[in-house]
Protein backbone atom coordinates (compact mmCIF):
# COMPACT_ATOMS: atom_id res chain seq x y z
CA MET A 1 7.40 11.65 -17.06
CA VAL A 2 4.09 9.83 -15.74
CA GLU A 3 1.10 12.31 -15.79
CA VAL A 4 -0.89 12.46 -12.74
CA PRO A 5 -4.83 12.35 -13.58
CA GLY A 6 -6.86 14.88 -11.96
CA SER A 7 -9.59 14.73 -9.77
CA HIS A 8 -11.88 11.70 -10.43
CA SER A 9 -15.19 10.43 -9.75
CA GLY A 10 -16.81 7.17 -10.35
CA TRP A 11 -15.19 3.73 -10.11
CA THR A 12 -11.44 2.74 -9.93
CA PHE A 13 -9.25 -0.37 -10.39
CA VAL A 14 -7.51 -0.22 -7.29
CA THR A 15 -9.61 -0.05 -3.74
CA ASN A 16 -8.34 2.63 -1.24
CA HIS A 17 -7.55 -0.11 0.97
CA ALA A 18 -4.91 -1.10 -1.76
CA ARG A 19 -3.75 2.18 -2.22
CA VAL A 20 -2.95 2.84 1.63
CA LEU A 21 -1.03 -0.52 1.92
CA ALA A 22 1.02 0.22 -1.14
CA ALA A 23 1.91 3.76 0.43
CA ILE A 24 2.93 1.94 3.50
CA ALA A 25 4.92 -0.95 1.68
CA ASP A 26 6.67 2.01 -0.22
CA ASN A 27 7.88 3.49 3.21
CA PRO A 28 6.92 1.95 6.49
CA ASN A 29 7.61 5.00 8.40
CA VAL A 30 5.41 7.12 6.31
CA ARG A 31 3.17 9.36 8.54
CA ILE A 32 -0.68 9.41 7.87
CA ARG A 33 -0.56 13.04 6.70
CA ASP A 34 1.67 11.53 3.69
CA ILE A 35 -0.41 8.71 3.16
CA ALA A 36 -3.73 10.93 2.87
CA VAL A 37 -1.94 13.43 -0.02
CA HIS A 38 -0.43 10.50 -1.93
CA CYS A 39 -3.84 8.63 -2.08
CA ARG A 40 -5.96 11.63 -2.02
CA LEU A 41 -7.92 10.77 0.79
CA THR A 42 -8.54 12.72 4.32
CA GLU A 43 -6.41 11.52 7.25
CA ARG A 44 -9.48 10.15 9.08
CA ALA A 45 -10.01 7.67 6.24
CA VAL A 46 -6.58 6.86 6.10
CA GLN A 47 -6.99 6.22 10.24
CA ARG A 48 -9.81 4.04 9.58
CA ILE A 49 -8.08 2.09 6.44
CA ILE A 50 -5.00 1.19 8.58
CA SER A 51 -7.43 0.20 11.76
CA ASP A 52 -9.11 -2.22 9.30
CA LEU A 53 -6.01 -3.62 7.95
CA GLU A 54 -4.67 -4.15 11.30
CA GLN A 55 -7.83 -5.92 12.61
CA ASP A 56 -7.66 -8.29 9.68
CA GLY A 57 -3.97 -8.79 10.32
CA TYR A 58 -2.69 -7.40 7.22
CA LEU A 59 -0.80 -4.90 9.11
CA SER A 60 0.78 -4.18 12.58
CA HIS A 61 2.52 -1.16 13.75
CA THR A 62 5.13 -0.53 16.47
CA ARG A 63 5.35 3.47 17.97
CA ASP A 64 8.49 4.85 18.40
CA GLY A 65 8.34 8.24 20.13
CA ARG A 66 5.66 10.06 17.92
CA SER A 67 5.95 8.06 14.90
CA ASN A 68 4.83 4.56 13.84
CA THR A 69 6.89 2.01 11.92
CA TYR A 70 4.58 -0.28 9.94
CA ARG A 71 4.86 -4.24 9.20
CA ILE A 72 2.88 -5.79 6.34
CA GLU A 73 2.24 -9.47 6.62
CA PRO A 74 3.29 -10.66 2.90
CA ASP A 75 2.02 -13.86 2.99
CA LYS A 76 -1.48 -13.18 3.94
CA VAL A 77 -4.10 -14.20 1.47
CA LEU A 78 -6.83 -11.42 -0.21
CA ARG A 79 -9.92 -11.59 1.48
CA HIS A 80 -11.97 -11.81 -1.75
CA PRO A 81 -13.04 -15.34 -3.05
CA ALA A 82 -11.97 -14.58 -6.57
CA GLU A 83 -8.46 -13.77 -5.29
CA ALA A 84 -8.41 -16.71 -3.59
CA GLY A 85 -4.82 -17.91 -3.05
CA LEU A 86 -3.36 -14.68 -3.92
CA THR A 87 -1.03 -13.03 -1.38
CA VAL A 88 -0.57 -9.33 -0.31
CA ALA A 89 2.97 -9.88 -1.59
CA ALA A 90 1.54 -10.66 -5.11
CA LEU A 91 -0.70 -7.50 -5.07
CA LEU A 92 1.96 -5.34 -3.82
CA SER A 93 4.56 -6.30 -6.67
CA LEU A 94 1.86 -4.98 -9.14
CA LEU A 95 1.40 -1.52 -6.97
CA VAL A 96 4.74 -0.46 -5.61
CA GLN A 97 7.80 0.88 -7.59
CA ASP A 98 11.32 -0.12 -6.57
CA GLU A 99 13.40 2.99 -5.73
CA THR A 100 15.28 2.65 -8.69
CA ASP A 101 11.88 2.72 -10.92
CA HIS A 102 10.77 6.36 -9.01
CA GLY A 103 10.59 8.95 -11.53
CA ARG A 104 10.10 6.99 -14.93
CA SER A 105 7.20 4.99 -16.23
CA ALA A 106 7.70 1.55 -15.52
CA GLY A 107 5.74 -1.48 -16.67
CA PRO A 108 5.01 -4.89 -14.55
CA ALA A 109 8.17 -6.54 -15.79
CA SER A 110 10.39 -4.23 -14.39
CA ARG A 111 8.86 -3.89 -10.90
CA THR A 112 10.48 -5.61 -7.85
CA SER A 113 8.87 -6.66 -4.47
CA PRO A 114 9.02 -4.05 -1.80
CA PHE A 115 9.88 -6.36 1.01
CA SER A 116 11.26 -10.07 1.51
CA THR A 117 9.20 -12.62 2.99
CA ALA A 118 11.77 -13.73 5.24
CA ARG A 119 10.58 -13.84 8.70
């Protein structure tokens, strides 16, 4: 079983934007409340991050009653010049576990892409 680290202050390897995007990639129908709990953020922070991602074209959503279904743009390239040419799909392949990997420790070699790039 993978041990979940406790509360943390200081720097981390992954940004909150990447964490939120990974949570959505794992479940496109996820609620903001559940993303907040999973990412250890406030609901308002998650709303701001989703707004940022939508504004820059990394994410879109459709409303169905009271719930949202999110769509990630896997071919969109990351923003920072140091990641020139790296796509959202490549980032998420490192961050999101396939359902068969949930509950067990999985190295990068056993992870698969959570979505197809076909349109």
